[in-house]
Amino acid sequence: MTHDCLAALKGGCHPFLRWQFACNGCWEKALHLHPRQPKMRECLRSWLEVAADDVAAELFFAGDAGELFLGLRFPPRKETQLFLAEVLIDLDLDVGSAEDSLAKTVAALRSISGLEELYLGEPAFMEIGVVNGWKSFGPLRFWQGGSPSPLESLHLALQQGGCFEGPFPLPLALEGGFSVPVPHWVGLPVSSSTADGYRLDGLLAEEAVASLLR
């Protein structure tokens, strides 16, 4: 049976928080949409009409250690982008519901023809970055699929990469990225909030790696 990369996250309650859409991986300038936001569909349509071909979406959920997110890069055809974007915002994600919105979202995405294999199998890579600052601060890619132990790779990368000592103005996430059937990813929280900003939490990073490969 194919490994479900999100299996360790299911079973809990992950309330839905918001959507965001970005062009060319520039999350620093993302379009942010929130549940029950007025004229949300019109806003999204207008944004997509002038967006670049490289469009991606992220959905954020609450977790015990902080916010986690699912990401998906859309194919370049505008009709497909609009279809997928509206599927995402039309999901019945009740913010106050005890139902696990994350599991519900994954099930809905996997029901779309061609996307049945989302988040299945081993990630193609893992990296750490600053949420909505991925380009500004640069990600630390510490593991490629098929390489030796990702935990050892994580420890080695953190020892050599002083750039992630912090503090940072935004939370950090460990991202597991997949290349098929379309580029997609899951981001798990790996930072602790301090008086001067966010700092990488090594224990959370280890737990994130383990959960992606469990």
C-alpha atoms as a PDB file:
ATOM      1  CA  MET A   1       0.000   0.000   0.000  1.00  0.00           C
ATOM      2  CA  THR A   2       1.336   3.460  -0.936  1.00  0.00           C
ATOM      3  CA  HIS A   3       2.453   5.553   2.016  1.00  0.00           C
ATOM      4  CA  ASP A   4       0.112   8.449   2.843  1.00  0.00           C
ATOM      5  CA  CYS A   5       2.405  11.314   3.765  1.00  0.00           C
ATOM      6  CA  LEU A   6      -0.365  13.037   5.734  1.00  0.00           C
ATOM      7  CA  ALA A   7      -1.463   9.974   7.708  1.00  0.00           C
ATOM      8  CA  ALA A   8       0.253  11.177  10.881  1.00  0.00           C
ATOM      9  CA  LEU A   9      -1.679  14.462  10.709  1.00  0.00           C
ATOM     10  CA  LYS A  10      -5.103  12.916  10.329  1.00  0.00           C
ATOM     11  CA  GLY A  11      -7.267  12.002  13.258  1.00  0.00           C
ATOM     12  CA  GLY A  12      -6.749  15.320  15.018  1.00  0.00           C
ATOM     13  CA  CYS A  13      -8.658  18.526  14.569  1.00  0.00           C
ATOM     14  CA  HIS A  14      -7.100  21.070  12.217  1.00  0.00           C
ATOM     15  CA  PRO A  15      -9.490  24.019  11.814  1.00  0.00           C
ATOM     16  CA  PHE A  16      -9.241  25.834   8.512  1.00  0.00           C
ATOM     17  CA  LEU A  17      -7.820  29.375   8.618  1.00  0.00           C
ATOM     18  CA  ARG A  18      -7.374  30.902   5.134  1.00  0.00           C
ATOM     19  CA  TRP A  19      -6.323  30.564   1.500  1.00  0.00           C
ATOM     20  CA  GLN A  20      -3.523  32.326  -0.297  1.00  0.00           C
ATOM     21  CA  PHE A  21      -2.588  32.455  -3.987  1.00  0.00           C
ATOM     22  CA  ALA A  22       0.724  33.562  -5.489  1.00  0.00           C
ATOM     23  CA  CYS A  23       2.499  33.953  -8.847  1.00  0.00           C
ATOM     24  CA  ASN A  24       6.012  32.673  -9.533  1.00  0.00           C
ATOM     25  CA  GLY A  25       6.431  31.471  -5.953  1.00  0.00           C
ATOM     26  CA  CYS A  26       6.345  35.020  -4.586  1.00  0.00           C
ATOM     27  CA  TRP A  27       4.353  34.410  -1.408  1.00  0.00           C
ATOM     28  CA  GLU A  28       5.506  37.763  -0.082  1.00  0.00           C
ATOM     29  CA  LYS A  29       2.923  39.299  -2.461  1.00  0.00           C
ATOM     30  CA  ALA A  30       0.225  36.650  -2.156  1.00  0.00           C
ATOM     31  CA  LEU A  31      -3.505  37.208  -2.440  1.00  0.00           C
ATOM     32  CA  HIS A  32      -5.019  36.337   0.943  1.00  0.00           C
ATOM     33  CA  LEU A  33      -8.625  35.193   1.265  1.00  0.00           C
ATOM     34  CA  HIS A  34     -10.535  34.355   4.433  1.00  0.00           C
ATOM     35  CA  PRO A  35     -13.731  32.376   5.031  1.00  0.00           C
ATOM     36  CA  ARG A  36     -16.923  34.417   4.643  1.00  0.00           C
ATOM     37  CA  GLN A  37     -14.965  37.249   3.015  1.00  0.00           C
ATOM     38  CA  PRO A  38     -17.317  39.391   0.880  1.00  0.00           C
ATOM     39  CA  LYS A  39     -17.023  39.022  -2.913  1.00  0.00           C
ATOM     40  CA  MET A  40     -14.307  36.401  -2.524  1.00  0.00           C
ATOM     41  CA  ARG A  41     -15.033  34.688  -5.841  1.00  0.00           C
ATOM     42  CA  GLU A  42     -14.973  37.990  -7.761  1.00  0.00           C
ATOM     43  CA  CYS A  43     -11.698  38.956  -6.095  1.00  0.00           C
ATOM     44  CA  LEU A  44     -10.100  35.646  -7.006  1.00  0.00           C
ATOM     45  CA  ARG A  45     -11.317  35.733 -10.611  1.00  0.00           C
ATOM     46  CA  SER A  46      -9.967  39.271 -11.093  1.00  0.00           C
ATOM     47  CA  TRP A  47      -6.609  38.264  -9.634  1.00  0.00           C
ATOM     48  CA  LEU A  48      -6.325  35.165 -11.845  1.00  0.00           C
ATOM     49  CA  GLU A  49      -7.142  37.102 -15.016  1.00  0.00           C
ATOM     50  CA  VAL A  50      -3.927  39.123 -14.731  1.00  0.00           C
ATOM     51  CA  ALA A  51      -1.794  36.522 -12.933  1.00  0.00           C
ATOM     52  CA  ALA A  52       1.306  34.970 -14.470  1.00  0.00           C
ATOM     53  CA  ASP A  53       1.161  31.396 -15.772  1.00  0.00           C
ATOM     54  CA  ASP A  54       2.906  30.058 -12.661  1.00  0.00           C
ATOM     55  CA  VAL A  55       0.094  30.114 -10.090  1.00  0.00           C
ATOM     56  CA  ALA A  56      -0.019  28.228  -6.808  1.00  0.00           C
ATOM     57  CA  ALA A  57      -2.366  28.036  -3.844  1.00  0.00           C
ATOM     58  CA  GLU A  58      -1.839  27.317  -0.174  1.00  0.00           C
ATOM     59  CA  LEU A  59      -4.448  26.455   2.459  1.00  0.00           C
ATOM     60  CA  PHE A  60      -3.637  27.093   6.103  1.00  0.00           C
ATOM     61  CA  PHE A  61      -4.874  25.118   9.090  1.00  0.00           C
ATOM     62  CA  ALA A  62      -4.400  25.439  12.840  1.00  0.00           C
ATOM     63  CA  GLY A  63      -2.238  22.859  14.586  1.00  0.00           C
ATOM     64  CA  ASP A  64      -0.953  22.220  18.095  1.00  0.00           C
ATOM     65  CA  ALA A  65       2.509  23.625  17.308  1.00  0.00           C
ATOM     66  CA  GLY A  66       1.359  26.405  14.979  1.00  0.00           C
ATOM     67  CA  GLU A  67      -0.075  26.812  11.511  1.00  0.00           C
ATOM     68  CA  LEU A  68       0.432  24.123   8.866  1.00  0.00           C
ATOM     69  CA  PHE A  69      -0.376  24.359   5.178  1.00  0.00           C
ATOM     70  CA  LEU A  70      -1.026  22.413   1.999  1.00  0.00           C
ATOM     71  CA  GLY A  71       0.279  23.814  -1.275  1.00  0.00           C
ATOM     72  CA  LEU A  72      -0.494  23.052  -4.906  1.00  0.00           C
ATOM     73  CA  ARG A  73       0.941  24.485  -8.141  1.00  0.00           C
ATOM     74  CA  PHE A  74      -1.667  24.825 -10.888  1.00  0.00           C
ATOM     75  CA  PRO A  75      -1.161  23.818 -14.537  1.00  0.00           C
ATOM     76  CA  PRO A  76      -0.624  26.889 -16.777  1.00  0.00           C
ATOM     77  CA  ARG A  77      -3.999  26.861 -18.588  1.00  0.00           C
ATOM     78  CA  LYS A  78      -6.214  29.655 -17.231  1.00  0.00           C
ATOM     79  CA  GLU A  79      -9.358  27.522 -17.428  1.00  0.00           C
ATOM     80  CA  THR A  80      -7.727  24.831 -15.283  1.00  0.00           C
ATOM     81  CA  GLN A  81      -6.421  27.397 -12.818  1.00  0.00           C
ATOM     82  CA  LEU A  82      -9.869  28.900 -12.391  1.00  0.00           C
ATOM     83  CA  PHE A  83     -11.435  25.468 -11.961  1.00  0.00           C
ATOM     84  CA  LEU A  84      -8.956  24.398  -9.267  1.00  0.00           C
ATOM     85  CA  ALA A  85      -9.091  27.753  -7.482  1.00  0.00           C
ATOM     86  CA  GLU A  86     -12.876  27.617  -7.286  1.00  0.00           C
ATOM     87  CA  VAL A  87     -12.788  24.002  -6.084  1.00  0.00           C
ATOM     88  CA  LEU A  88     -10.599  25.160  -3.207  1.00  0.00           C
ATOM     89  CA  ILE A  89     -12.691  28.136  -2.161  1.00  0.00           C
ATOM     90  CA  ASP A  90     -15.933  26.175  -2.592  1.00  0.00           C
ATOM     91  CA  LEU A  91     -14.872  23.551  -0.068  1.00  0.00           C
ATOM     92  CA  ASP A  92     -17.273  23.525   2.869  1.00  0.00           C
ATOM     93  CA  LEU A  93     -14.602  24.324   5.472  1.00  0.00           C
ATOM     94  CA  ASP A  94     -16.460  25.447   8.566  1.00  0.00           C
ATOM     95  CA  VAL A  95     -14.008  27.399  10.704  1.00  0.00           C
ATOM     96  CA  GLY A  96     -15.801  26.495  13.913  1.00  0.00           C
ATOM     97  CA  SER A  97     -16.390  22.831  13.091  1.00  0.00           C
ATOM     98  CA  ALA A  98     -14.863  19.987  15.083  1.00  0.00           C
ATOM     99  CA  GLU A  99     -14.432  18.089  11.804  1.00  0.00           C
ATOM    100  CA  ASP A 100     -10.856  17.870  10.546  1.00  0.00           C
ATOM    101  CA  SER A 101     -10.766  20.406   7.713  1.00  0.00           C
ATOM    102  CA  LEU A 102      -7.345  19.181   6.582  1.00  0.00           C
ATOM    103  CA  ALA A 103      -8.546  15.614   6.009  1.00  0.00           C
ATOM    104  CA  LYS A 104     -11.646  16.946   4.257  1.00  0.00           C
ATOM    105  CA  THR A 105      -9.528  19.112   1.940  1.00  0.00           C
ATOM    106  CA  VAL A 106      -7.192  16.269   0.995  1.00  0.00           C
ATOM    107  CA  ALA A 107     -10.130  13.956   0.260  1.00  0.00           C
ATOM    108  CA  ALA A 108     -11.734  16.608  -1.976  1.00  0.00           C
ATOM    109  CA  LEU A 109      -8.515  17.220  -3.912  1.00  0.00           C
ATOM    110  CA  ARG A 110      -7.894  13.495  -4.404  1.00  0.00           C
ATOM    111  CA  SER A 111     -11.394  13.144  -5.835  1.00  0.00           C
ATOM    112  CA  ILE A 112     -10.391  15.319  -8.829  1.00  0.00           C
ATOM    113  CA  SER A 113      -9.367  13.362 -11.916  1.00  0.00           C
ATOM    114  CA  GLY A 114      -5.584  13.357 -12.224  1.00  0.00           C
ATOM    115  CA  LEU A 115      -4.954  14.360  -8.602  1.00  0.00           C
ATOM    116  CA  GLU A 116      -5.703  11.027  -6.927  1.00  0.00           C
ATOM    117  CA  GLU A 117      -2.031  10.562  -5.927  1.00  0.00           C
ATOM    118  CA  LEU A 118      -1.594  13.849  -4.042  1.00  0.00           C
ATOM    119  CA  TYR A 119       0.558  13.495  -0.904  1.00  0.00           C
ATOM    120  CA  LEU A 120       1.123   9.791  -1.483  1.00  0.00           C
ATOM    121  CA  GLY A 121       4.574   8.239  -1.359  1.00  0.00           C
ATOM    122  CA  GLU A 122       7.861   9.677  -0.158  1.00  0.00           C
ATOM    123  CA  PRO A 123       8.516  13.408  -0.636  1.00  0.00           C
ATOM    124  CA  ALA A 124      10.862  14.368  -3.464  1.00  0.00           C
ATOM    125  CA  PHE A 125      12.657  16.795  -1.146  1.00  0.00           C
ATOM    126  CA  MET A 126      12.496  18.502   2.234  1.00  0.00           C
ATOM    127  CA  GLU A 127      13.515  22.050   3.094  1.00  0.00           C
ATOM    128  CA  ILE A 128      13.094  24.678   5.800  1.00  0.00           C
ATOM    129  CA  GLY A 129      12.023  28.233   5.100  1.00  0.00           C
ATOM    130  CA  VAL A 130      10.227  31.280   6.418  1.00  0.00           C
ATOM    131  CA  VAL A 131       6.473  31.233   5.832  1.00  0.00           C
ATOM    132  CA  ASN A 132       5.577  33.937   3.299  1.00  0.00           C
ATOM    133  CA  GLY A 133       9.257  34.819   3.163  1.00  0.00           C
ATOM    134  CA  TRP A 134      10.522  31.785   1.239  1.00  0.00           C
ATOM    135  CA  LYS A 135      12.222  33.889  -1.434  1.00  0.00           C
ATOM    136  CA  SER A 136      13.268  36.752   0.824  1.00  0.00           C
ATOM    137  CA  PHE A 137      15.214  34.571   3.254  1.00  0.00           C
ATOM    138  CA  GLY A 138      15.921  31.613   0.983  1.00  0.00           C
ATOM    139  CA  PRO A 139      15.033  28.006   1.848  1.00  0.00           C
ATOM    140  CA  LEU A 140      17.457  25.490   3.303  1.00  0.00           C
ATOM    141  CA  ARG A 141      17.033  22.292   1.269  1.00  0.00           C
ATOM    142  CA  PHE A 142      18.531  19.561   3.398  1.00  0.00           C
ATOM    143  CA  TRP A 143      17.283  16.348   1.794  1.00  0.00           C
ATOM    144  CA  GLN A 144      16.508  14.887  -1.638  1.00  0.00           C
ATOM    145  CA  GLY A 145      14.367  11.779  -2.075  1.00  0.00           C
ATOM    146  CA  GLY A 146      16.380   8.588  -2.118  1.00  0.00           C
ATOM    147  CA  SER A 147      19.239  10.084  -0.089  1.00  0.00           C
ATOM    148  CA  PRO A 148      20.374   8.632   3.252  1.00  0.00           C
ATOM    149  CA  SER A 149      18.631   9.407   6.538  1.00  0.00           C
ATOM    150  CA  PRO A 150      16.723  12.710   6.375  1.00  0.00           C
ATOM    151  CA  LEU A 151      17.193  13.205  10.114  1.00  0.00           C
ATOM    152  CA  GLU A 152      20.974  12.988   9.767  1.00  0.00           C
ATOM    153  CA  SER A 153      20.789  15.340   6.780  1.00  0.00           C
ATOM    154  CA  LEU A 154      18.713  17.769   8.842  1.00  0.00           C
ATOM    155  CA  HIS A 155      21.191  17.785  11.718  1.00  0.00           C
ATOM    156  CA  LEU A 156      24.159  18.243   9.395  1.00  0.00           C
ATOM    157  CA  ALA A 157      22.479  21.066   7.476  1.00  0.00           C
ATOM    158  CA  LEU A 158      21.556  22.931  10.649  1.00  0.00           C
ATOM    159  CA  GLN A 159      25.083  22.585  12.013  1.00  0.00           C
ATOM    160  CA  GLN A 160      26.529  24.035   8.819  1.00  0.00           C
ATOM    161  CA  GLY A 161      23.802  26.571   8.068  1.00  0.00           C
ATOM    162  CA  GLY A 162      23.986  29.367  10.621  1.00  0.00           C
ATOM    163  CA  CYS A 163      21.577  31.386   8.466  1.00  0.00           C
ATOM    164  CA  PHE A 164      18.642  29.790  10.274  1.00  0.00           C
ATOM    165  CA  GLU A 165      19.623  30.723  13.800  1.00  0.00           C
ATOM    166  CA  GLY A 166      17.128  33.603  13.727  1.00  0.00           C
ATOM    167  CA  PRO A 167      15.231  35.381  15.027  1.00  0.00           C
ATOM    168  CA  PHE A 168      12.797  35.825  12.128  1.00  0.00           C
ATOM    169  CA  PRO A 169       9.783  38.131  11.790  1.00  0.00           C
ATOM    170  CA  LEU A 170       7.589  35.256  10.583  1.00  0.00           C
ATOM    171  CA  PRO A 171       7.197  31.588  11.576  1.00  0.00           C
ATOM    172  CA  LEU A 172       9.336  28.859  10.007  1.00  0.00           C
ATOM    173  CA  ALA A 173       8.059  25.713   8.316  1.00  0.00           C
ATOM    174  CA  LEU A 174       9.558  22.436   7.201  1.00  0.00           C
ATOM    175  CA  GLU A 175       8.240  21.631   3.768  1.00  0.00           C
ATOM    176  CA  GLY A 176       7.915  18.231   2.153  1.00  0.00           C
ATOM    177  CA  GLY A 177       7.661  18.685  -1.613  1.00  0.00           C
ATOM    178  CA  PHE A 178       6.261  16.310  -4.249  1.00  0.00           C
ATOM    179  CA  SER A 179       6.684  16.459  -8.024  1.00  0.00           C
ATOM    180  CA  VAL A 180       3.802  14.242  -9.242  1.00  0.00           C
ATOM    181  CA  PRO A 181       1.045  14.337 -10.326  1.00  0.00           C
ATOM    182  CA  VAL A 182       1.646  18.117 -10.102  1.00  0.00           C
ATOM    183  CA  PRO A 183       4.090  20.004  -7.887  1.00  0.00           C
ATOM    184  CA  HIS A 184       2.572  20.109  -4.397  1.00  0.00           C
ATOM    185  CA  TRP A 185       3.767  20.324  -0.816  1.00  0.00           C
ATOM    186  CA  VAL A 186       2.916  20.251   2.859  1.00  0.00           C
ATOM    187  CA  GLY A 187       4.397  22.717   5.349  1.00  0.00           C
ATOM    188  CA  LEU A 188       4.682  21.869   9.045  1.00  0.00           C
ATOM    189  CA  PRO A 189       5.432  24.402  11.828  1.00  0.00           C
ATOM    190  CA  VAL A 190       8.992  24.186  13.200  1.00  0.00           C
ATOM    191  CA  SER A 191       9.508  27.418  15.145  1.00  0.00           C
ATOM    192  CA  SER A 192       8.870  28.800  18.600  1.00  0.00           C
ATOM    193  CA  SER A 193       7.739  32.338  19.299  1.00  0.00           C
ATOM    194  CA  THR A 194      10.121  34.387  21.446  1.00  0.00           C
ATOM    195  CA  ALA A 195      10.222  37.980  22.608  1.00  0.00           C
ATOM    196  CA  ASP A 196      12.383  38.995  19.620  1.00  0.00           C
ATOM    197  CA  GLY A 197      10.711  36.884  16.919  1.00  0.00           C
ATOM    198  CA  TYR A 198      10.546  33.287  15.748  1.00  0.00           C
ATOM    199  CA  ARG A 199      13.376  30.803  16.202  1.00  0.00           C
ATOM    200  CA  LEU A 200      13.840  27.351  14.721  1.00  0.00           C
ATOM    201  CA  ASP A 201      12.826  24.577  17.120  1.00  0.00           C
ATOM    202  CA  GLY A 202      15.012  21.557  16.490  1.00  0.00           C
ATOM    203  CA  LEU A 203      12.647  19.135  18.201  1.00  0.00           C
ATOM    204  CA  LEU A 204       9.689  20.283  16.089  1.00  0.00           C
ATOM    205  CA  ALA A 205      11.840  19.921  12.966  1.00  0.00           C
ATOM    206  CA  GLU A 206      12.705  16.331  13.888  1.00  0.00           C
ATOM    207  CA  GLU A 207       9.043  15.558  14.557  1.00  0.00           C
ATOM    208  CA  ALA A 208       8.074  17.073  11.192  1.00  0.00           C
ATOM    209  CA  VAL A 209      10.577  14.897   9.320  1.00  0.00           C
ATOM    210  CA  ALA A 210       9.376  11.796  11.141  1.00  0.00           C
ATOM    211  CA  SER A 211       5.714  12.547  10.434  1.00  0.00           C
ATOM    212  CA  LEU A 212       6.357  12.930   6.690  1.00  0.00           C
ATOM    213  CA  LEU A 213       8.035   9.540   6.468  1.00  0.00           C
ATOM    214  CA  ARG A 214       6.007   7.618   9.063  1.00  0.00           C
END
